[in-house]
Amino acid sequence: MIVTPGDVMLEDILLHPGEDWRRLVFADWLDENGDERRAKWIRVGVWLRHPIYHAPGCQTPWKCQHSELNRGREPGGSGWIWYKGFVGAVVVDSLEGITQCGRFVYFENPTDGVIFLGKKPLAMVVDGNDDSAPTRFGWHAMPENSSFALQSGSSVLPMAIFDRLLPDDAIVQATHGNLLSGRSYASEYDAITGLSRACLRYGRKVAGCASVTGK
């Protein structure tokens, strides 16, 4: 496999997503190698410095601009968030949405998460014998069903995603009908972020991509 200077620059962006100058150097290389439209899209994104949300079929000025500048390569899923010229996050509403994104999202972009719509973490009391214990939020595991339960909706996700919640997230035993194992977080936001990162790691695994950024 031939590795181009552009491939090396892209890997640098994946490893250092917070350093804008790497994106601009890559844009210069694209210009010099005949991909002026994508180069312009990256420069515009860096200049704006805020996320841009798109959904399939959405005909906004930015959607038209994206189609023209980035050759209409749509990442997949129910929607996606462009950030500084690259796919920053993907929005999905099903397990299939995670796997449909493929290598374009997981290998060519510094994607930071997979946002799963409609999934609300459960309130957990870590120590059921202590009324003063703070309420935490998280996800209950149901290994016997090869899935883990999410509070909203009837769908379940595979244990492969639950297993990819970071090891340093608190593991608890929580009573919710039955005694179940789970992962808990200090806030709903942290729990949703944990699920987003776990879905990202799962998507990279399915797509055959190494977790370059370690996230």
C-alpha atoms as a PDB file:
ATOM      1  CA  MET A   1       0.000   0.000   0.000  1.00  0.00           C
ATOM      2  CA  ILE A   2       1.420   3.373  -1.044  1.00  0.00           C
ATOM      3  CA  VAL A   3       1.386   5.971   1.747  1.00  0.00           C
ATOM      4  CA  THR A   4       1.129   9.543   0.477  1.00  0.00           C
ATOM      5  CA  PRO A   5       2.115  12.739   2.330  1.00  0.00           C
ATOM      6  CA  GLY A   6      -1.618  13.382   2.600  1.00  0.00           C
ATOM      7  CA  ASP A   7      -2.081  10.079   4.464  1.00  0.00           C
ATOM      8  CA  VAL A   8       0.595  11.110   6.956  1.00  0.00           C
ATOM      9  CA  MET A   9      -0.994  14.542   7.431  1.00  0.00           C
ATOM     10  CA  LEU A  10      -4.399  12.943   7.945  1.00  0.00           C
ATOM     11  CA  GLU A  11      -3.018  10.637  10.614  1.00  0.00           C
ATOM     12  CA  ASP A  12      -1.466  13.673  12.325  1.00  0.00           C
ATOM     13  CA  ILE A  13      -4.911  15.305  12.393  1.00  0.00           C
ATOM     14  CA  LEU A  14      -6.439  12.172  13.931  1.00  0.00           C
ATOM     15  CA  LEU A  15      -3.737  12.098  16.605  1.00  0.00           C
ATOM     16  CA  HIS A  16      -3.891  15.863  17.299  1.00  0.00           C
ATOM     17  CA  PRO A  17      -7.490  16.950  16.594  1.00  0.00           C
ATOM     18  CA  GLY A  18      -7.131  20.162  18.598  1.00  0.00           C
ATOM     19  CA  GLU A  19      -4.308  21.616  16.497  1.00  0.00           C
ATOM     20  CA  ASP A  20      -5.878  23.623  13.677  1.00  0.00           C
ATOM     21  CA  TRP A  21      -2.619  24.276  11.858  1.00  0.00           C
ATOM     22  CA  ARG A  22      -2.409  20.594  10.915  1.00  0.00           C
ATOM     23  CA  ARG A  23      -5.786  20.862   9.187  1.00  0.00           C
ATOM     24  CA  LEU A  24      -4.650  23.946   7.310  1.00  0.00           C
ATOM     25  CA  VAL A  25      -1.413  22.265   6.193  1.00  0.00           C
ATOM     26  CA  PHE A  26      -3.502  19.345   4.914  1.00  0.00           C
ATOM     27  CA  ALA A  27      -5.746  21.827   3.077  1.00  0.00           C
ATOM     28  CA  ASP A  28      -2.669  23.328   1.368  1.00  0.00           C
ATOM     29  CA  TRP A  29      -1.594  19.836   0.284  1.00  0.00           C
ATOM     30  CA  LEU A  30      -5.070  19.145  -1.114  1.00  0.00           C
ATOM     31  CA  ASP A  31      -4.885  22.403  -3.073  1.00  0.00           C
ATOM     32  CA  GLU A  32      -1.533  21.442  -4.533  1.00  0.00           C
ATOM     33  CA  ASN A  33      -2.889  18.022  -5.523  1.00  0.00           C
ATOM     34  CA  GLY A  34      -6.053  19.117  -7.294  1.00  0.00           C
ATOM     35  CA  ASP A  35      -8.701  18.825  -4.555  1.00  0.00           C
ATOM     36  CA  GLU A  36      -9.475  22.531  -4.174  1.00  0.00           C
ATOM     37  CA  ARG A  37     -13.069  21.939  -3.065  1.00  0.00           C
ATOM     38  CA  ARG A  38     -12.201  19.824  -0.047  1.00  0.00           C
ATOM     39  CA  ALA A  39      -9.364  22.205   0.818  1.00  0.00           C
ATOM     40  CA  LYS A  40     -11.812  25.100   0.830  1.00  0.00           C
ATOM     41  CA  TRP A  41     -14.290  23.166   2.991  1.00  0.00           C
ATOM     42  CA  ILE A  42     -11.583  22.555   5.621  1.00  0.00           C
ATOM     43  CA  ARG A  43     -10.484  26.206   5.648  1.00  0.00           C
ATOM     44  CA  VAL A  44     -14.088  27.411   5.980  1.00  0.00           C
ATOM     45  CA  GLY A  45     -14.658  24.981   8.866  1.00  0.00           C
ATOM     46  CA  VAL A  46     -11.519  26.111  10.704  1.00  0.00           C
ATOM     47  CA  TRP A  47     -12.505  29.744  10.183  1.00  0.00           C
ATOM     48  CA  LEU A  48     -16.042  29.200  11.551  1.00  0.00           C
ATOM     49  CA  ARG A  49     -14.811  27.300  14.630  1.00  0.00           C
ATOM     50  CA  HIS A  50     -18.263  25.934  15.505  1.00  0.00           C
ATOM     51  CA  PRO A  51     -20.087  22.666  14.713  1.00  0.00           C
ATOM     52  CA  ILE A  52     -22.402  22.417  11.689  1.00  0.00           C
ATOM     53  CA  TYR A  53     -25.211  19.870  11.864  1.00  0.00           C
ATOM     54  CA  HIS A  54     -26.592  18.150   8.750  1.00  0.00           C
ATOM     55  CA  ALA A  55     -29.265  15.534   8.234  1.00  0.00           C
ATOM     56  CA  PRO A  56     -29.878  13.513   5.038  1.00  0.00           C
ATOM     57  CA  GLY A  57     -32.082  15.437   2.623  1.00  0.00           C
ATOM     58  CA  CYS A  58     -31.603  18.728   4.464  1.00  0.00           C
ATOM     59  CA  GLN A  59     -31.362  21.443   1.817  1.00  0.00           C
ATOM     60  CA  THR A  60     -29.796  24.365   3.634  1.00  0.00           C
ATOM     61  CA  PRO A  61     -27.156  26.726   2.223  1.00  0.00           C
ATOM     62  CA  TRP A  62     -24.536  24.864   4.250  1.00  0.00           C
ATOM     63  CA  LYS A  63     -25.781  21.521   2.895  1.00  0.00           C
ATOM     64  CA  CYS A  64     -25.416  22.791  -0.655  1.00  0.00           C
ATOM     65  CA  GLN A  65     -21.977  24.170   0.184  1.00  0.00           C
ATOM     66  CA  HIS A  66     -20.958  20.809   1.663  1.00  0.00           C
ATOM     67  CA  SER A  67     -22.175  18.897  -1.391  1.00  0.00           C
ATOM     68  CA  GLU A  68     -20.168  21.137  -3.666  1.00  0.00           C
ATOM     69  CA  LEU A  69     -16.989  21.322  -1.630  1.00  0.00           C
ATOM     70  CA  ASN A  70     -16.757  17.829  -0.182  1.00  0.00           C
ATOM     71  CA  ARG A  71     -17.948  15.855  -3.211  1.00  0.00           C
ATOM     72  CA  GLY A  72     -21.196  14.859  -1.454  1.00  0.00           C
ATOM     73  CA  ARG A  73     -19.552  12.132   0.644  1.00  0.00           C
ATOM     74  CA  GLU A  74     -22.177  11.640   3.328  1.00  0.00           C
ATOM     75  CA  PRO A  75     -20.980   9.821   6.442  1.00  0.00           C
ATOM     76  CA  GLY A  76     -24.102   7.741   7.089  1.00  0.00           C
ATOM     77  CA  GLY A  77     -26.352   7.600  10.129  1.00  0.00           C
ATOM     78  CA  SER A  78     -29.331   9.847  10.849  1.00  0.00           C
ATOM     79  CA  GLY A  79     -27.213  12.975  10.776  1.00  0.00           C
ATOM     80  CA  TRP A  80     -23.708  14.194  11.376  1.00  0.00           C
ATOM     81  CA  ILE A  81     -21.849  17.137  12.825  1.00  0.00           C
ATOM     82  CA  TRP A  82     -19.078  18.755  10.806  1.00  0.00           C
ATOM     83  CA  TYR A  83     -16.373  20.463  12.848  1.00  0.00           C
ATOM     84  CA  LYS A  84     -13.471  22.344  11.308  1.00  0.00           C
ATOM     85  CA  GLY A  85     -13.807  20.586   7.962  1.00  0.00           C
ATOM     86  CA  PHE A  86     -14.137  17.015   9.259  1.00  0.00           C
ATOM     87  CA  VAL A  87     -16.848  14.779  10.707  1.00  0.00           C
ATOM     88  CA  GLY A  88     -16.775  15.528  14.431  1.00  0.00           C
ATOM     89  CA  ALA A  89     -19.662  13.251  15.443  1.00  0.00           C
ATOM     90  CA  VAL A  90     -22.346  11.042  13.914  1.00  0.00           C
ATOM     91  CA  VAL A  91     -25.989  10.917  15.033  1.00  0.00           C
ATOM     92  CA  VAL A  92     -27.702   7.503  14.838  1.00  0.00           C
ATOM     93  CA  ASP A  93     -31.033   6.020  15.882  1.00  0.00           C
ATOM     94  CA  SER A  94     -30.215   2.309  15.510  1.00  0.00           C
ATOM     95  CA  LEU A  95     -27.390  -0.185  15.828  1.00  0.00           C
ATOM     96  CA  GLU A  96     -27.262  -0.369  12.034  1.00  0.00           C
ATOM     97  CA  GLY A  97     -26.549   3.364  11.945  1.00  0.00           C
ATOM     98  CA  ILE A  98     -23.319   2.796  13.874  1.00  0.00           C
ATOM     99  CA  THR A  99     -22.039   0.174  11.434  1.00  0.00           C
ATOM    100  CA  GLN A 100     -23.166   2.011   8.284  1.00  0.00           C
ATOM    101  CA  CYS A 101     -20.725   4.867   8.883  1.00  0.00           C
ATOM    102  CA  GLY A 102     -17.775   2.717   7.829  1.00  0.00           C
ATOM    103  CA  ARG A 103     -14.159   3.624   7.315  1.00  0.00           C
ATOM    104  CA  PHE A 104     -14.862   7.133   6.020  1.00  0.00           C
ATOM    105  CA  VAL A 105     -16.065   8.232   9.458  1.00  0.00           C
ATOM    106  CA  TYR A 106     -13.909   6.029  11.643  1.00  0.00           C
ATOM    107  CA  PHE A 107     -10.624   6.159   9.739  1.00  0.00           C
ATOM    108  CA  GLU A 108     -10.554   9.388   7.703  1.00  0.00           C
ATOM    109  CA  ASN A 109     -12.027  11.757  10.284  1.00  0.00           C
ATOM    110  CA  PRO A 110     -11.183  12.700  13.898  1.00  0.00           C
ATOM    111  CA  THR A 111     -14.682  11.623  14.913  1.00  0.00           C
ATOM    112  CA  ASP A 112     -15.173  12.165  18.635  1.00  0.00           C
ATOM    113  CA  GLY A 113     -18.385  10.262  19.282  1.00  0.00           C
ATOM    114  CA  VAL A 114     -21.527   8.515  18.060  1.00  0.00           C
ATOM    115  CA  ILE A 115     -24.638  10.212  19.444  1.00  0.00           C
ATOM    116  CA  PHE A 116     -27.403   7.647  19.935  1.00  0.00           C
ATOM    117  CA  LEU A 117     -30.801   9.365  19.787  1.00  0.00           C
ATOM    118  CA  GLY A 118     -33.438   8.677  22.418  1.00  0.00           C
ATOM    119  CA  LYS A 119     -31.250   6.845  24.911  1.00  0.00           C
ATOM    120  CA  LYS A 120     -31.705   8.145  28.450  1.00  0.00           C
ATOM    121  CA  PRO A 121     -29.493   6.783  31.237  1.00  0.00           C
ATOM    122  CA  LEU A 122     -31.026   5.208  34.339  1.00  0.00           C
ATOM    123  CA  ALA A 123     -30.873   6.851  37.746  1.00  0.00           C
ATOM    124  CA  MET A 124     -28.832   4.609  40.053  1.00  0.00           C
ATOM    125  CA  VAL A 125     -28.359   4.574  43.805  1.00  0.00           C
ATOM    126  CA  VAL A 126     -24.919   3.055  44.202  1.00  0.00           C
ATOM    127  CA  ASP A 127     -25.305   2.299  47.906  1.00  0.00           C
ATOM    128  CA  GLY A 128     -28.872   1.207  48.574  1.00  0.00           C
ATOM    129  CA  ASN A 129     -28.277   1.258  52.373  1.00  0.00           C
ATOM    130  CA  ASP A 130     -27.235   4.895  52.491  1.00  0.00           C
ATOM    131  CA  ASP A 131     -30.062   7.389  51.985  1.00  0.00           C
ATOM    132  CA  SER A 132     -27.545  10.217  51.714  1.00  0.00           C
ATOM    133  CA  ALA A 133     -25.635   8.579  48.836  1.00  0.00           C
ATOM    134  CA  PRO A 134     -25.733  10.769  45.720  1.00  0.00           C
ATOM    135  CA  THR A 135     -27.758   9.556  42.759  1.00  0.00           C
ATOM    136  CA  ARG A 136     -25.632   8.522  39.817  1.00  0.00           C
ATOM    137  CA  PHE A 137     -26.635   7.776  36.240  1.00  0.00           C
ATOM    138  CA  GLY A 138     -25.707   4.957  33.928  1.00  0.00           C
ATOM    139  CA  TRP A 139     -26.542   1.754  32.099  1.00  0.00           C
ATOM    140  CA  HIS A 140     -27.688  -1.640  33.378  1.00  0.00           C
ATOM    141  CA  ALA A 141     -26.236  -4.793  31.874  1.00  0.00           C
ATOM    142  CA  MET A 142     -28.300  -7.880  31.069  1.00  0.00           C
ATOM    143  CA  PRO A 143     -25.675 -10.482  30.048  1.00  0.00           C
ATOM    144  CA  GLU A 144     -28.175 -13.324  29.880  1.00  0.00           C
ATOM    145  CA  ASN A 145     -29.811 -11.551  26.935  1.00  0.00           C
ATOM    146  CA  SER A 146     -26.478 -10.610  25.289  1.00  0.00           C
ATOM    147  CA  SER A 147     -27.559  -6.989  25.484  1.00  0.00           C
ATOM    148  CA  PHE A 148     -27.808  -4.125  27.905  1.00  0.00           C
ATOM    149  CA  ALA A 149     -30.971  -2.264  28.760  1.00  0.00           C
ATOM    150  CA  LEU A 150     -31.521   1.421  28.044  1.00  0.00           C
ATOM    151  CA  GLN A 151     -34.301   3.280  29.765  1.00  0.00           C
ATOM    152  CA  SER A 152     -36.046   4.928  26.807  1.00  0.00           C
ATOM    153  CA  GLY A 153     -37.456   2.835  23.996  1.00  0.00           C
ATOM    154  CA  SER A 154     -37.643  -0.914  23.708  1.00  0.00           C
ATOM    155  CA  SER A 155     -34.430  -1.454  21.733  1.00  0.00           C
ATOM    156  CA  VAL A 156     -31.321  -2.953  23.280  1.00  0.00           C
ATOM    157  CA  LEU A 157     -27.689  -2.798  22.269  1.00  0.00           C
ATOM    158  CA  PRO A 158     -25.150  -5.645  22.274  1.00  0.00           C
ATOM    159  CA  MET A 159     -22.903  -6.376  25.220  1.00  0.00           C
ATOM    160  CA  ALA A 160     -20.025  -5.573  22.872  1.00  0.00           C
ATOM    161  CA  ILE A 161     -20.917  -1.890  23.347  1.00  0.00           C
ATOM    162  CA  PHE A 162     -21.407  -2.194  27.118  1.00  0.00           C
ATOM    163  CA  ASP A 163     -17.984  -3.855  27.343  1.00  0.00           C
ATOM    164  CA  ARG A 164     -16.458  -0.830  25.613  1.00  0.00           C
ATOM    165  CA  LEU A 165     -17.495   1.607  28.317  1.00  0.00           C
ATOM    166  CA  LEU A 166     -14.190   2.766  29.750  1.00  0.00           C
ATOM    167  CA  PRO A 167     -12.739   0.509  32.474  1.00  0.00           C
ATOM    168  CA  ASP A 168     -12.403   3.410  34.916  1.00  0.00           C
ATOM    169  CA  ASP A 169     -16.137   4.156  34.816  1.00  0.00           C
ATOM    170  CA  ALA A 170     -17.638   3.069  38.144  1.00  0.00           C
ATOM    171  CA  ILE A 171     -19.024  -0.486  38.101  1.00  0.00           C
ATOM    172  CA  VAL A 172     -21.942  -0.974  40.468  1.00  0.00           C
ATOM    173  CA  GLN A 173     -24.598  -3.447  41.488  1.00  0.00           C
ATOM    174  CA  ALA A 174     -27.960  -1.743  41.215  1.00  0.00           C
ATOM    175  CA  THR A 175     -31.423  -3.019  42.092  1.00  0.00           C
ATOM    176  CA  HIS A 176     -33.901  -2.308  39.300  1.00  0.00           C
ATOM    177  CA  GLY A 177     -36.417  -5.104  39.426  1.00  0.00           C
ATOM    178  CA  ASN A 178     -33.521  -7.567  39.634  1.00  0.00           C
ATOM    179  CA  LEU A 179     -29.923  -7.296  40.724  1.00  0.00           C
ATOM    180  CA  LEU A 180     -28.011  -6.157  37.651  1.00  0.00           C
ATOM    181  CA  SER A 181     -24.469  -5.070  36.970  1.00  0.00           C
ATOM    182  CA  GLY A 182     -23.964  -1.668  35.463  1.00  0.00           C
ATOM    183  CA  ARG A 183     -21.744   1.327  34.872  1.00  0.00           C
ATOM    184  CA  SER A 184     -22.499   4.562  36.698  1.00  0.00           C
ATOM    185  CA  TYR A 185     -21.488   8.186  36.181  1.00  0.00           C
ATOM    186  CA  ALA A 186     -21.749  11.378  38.204  1.00  0.00           C
ATOM    187  CA  SER A 187     -24.214  13.016  35.788  1.00  0.00           C
ATOM    188  CA  GLU A 188     -26.553  12.236  32.896  1.00  0.00           C
ATOM    189  CA  TYR A 189     -24.195  14.129  30.589  1.00  0.00           C
ATOM    190  CA  ASP A 190     -21.251  11.941  31.609  1.00  0.00           C
ATOM    191  CA  ALA A 191     -23.337   8.786  31.114  1.00  0.00           C
ATOM    192  CA  ILE A 192     -24.436   9.845  27.623  1.00  0.00           C
ATOM    193  CA  THR A 193     -20.853  10.800  26.748  1.00  0.00           C
ATOM    194  CA  GLY A 194     -19.665   7.404  27.979  1.00  0.00           C
ATOM    195  CA  LEU A 195     -22.182   5.650  25.733  1.00  0.00           C
ATOM    196  CA  SER A 196     -21.185   7.871  22.798  1.00  0.00           C
ATOM    197  CA  ARG A 197     -17.518   6.926  23.164  1.00  0.00           C
ATOM    198  CA  ALA A 198     -18.388   3.234  23.588  1.00  0.00           C
ATOM    199  CA  CYS A 199     -20.456   3.305  20.378  1.00  0.00           C
ATOM    200  CA  LEU A 200     -17.518   4.969  18.626  1.00  0.00           C
ATOM    201  CA  ARG A 201     -15.109   2.252  19.764  1.00  0.00           C
ATOM    202  CA  TYR A 202     -17.608  -0.410  18.671  1.00  0.00           C
ATOM    203  CA  GLY A 203     -18.034   1.219  15.240  1.00  0.00           C
ATOM    204  CA  ARG A 204     -14.276   1.397  14.725  1.00  0.00           C
ATOM    205  CA  LYS A 205     -13.937  -2.272  15.628  1.00  0.00           C
ATOM    206  CA  VAL A 206     -16.684  -3.336  13.193  1.00  0.00           C
ATOM    207  CA  ALA A 207     -15.166  -1.189  10.442  1.00  0.00           C
ATOM    208  CA  GLY A 208     -11.741  -2.769  11.019  1.00  0.00           C
ATOM    209  CA  CYS A 209     -10.142   0.501  12.105  1.00  0.00           C
ATOM    210  CA  ALA A 210      -7.641   0.879  14.892  1.00  0.00           C
ATOM    211  CA  SER A 211      -8.570   3.403  17.571  1.00  0.00           C
ATOM    212  CA  VAL A 212      -5.958   5.888  16.395  1.00  0.00           C
ATOM    213  CA  THR A 213      -6.884   8.592  18.868  1.00  0.00           C
ATOM    214  CA  GLY A 214      -7.209   6.185  21.769  1.00  0.00           C
ATOM    215  CA  LYS A 215     -10.732   7.429  22.538  1.00  0.00           C
END
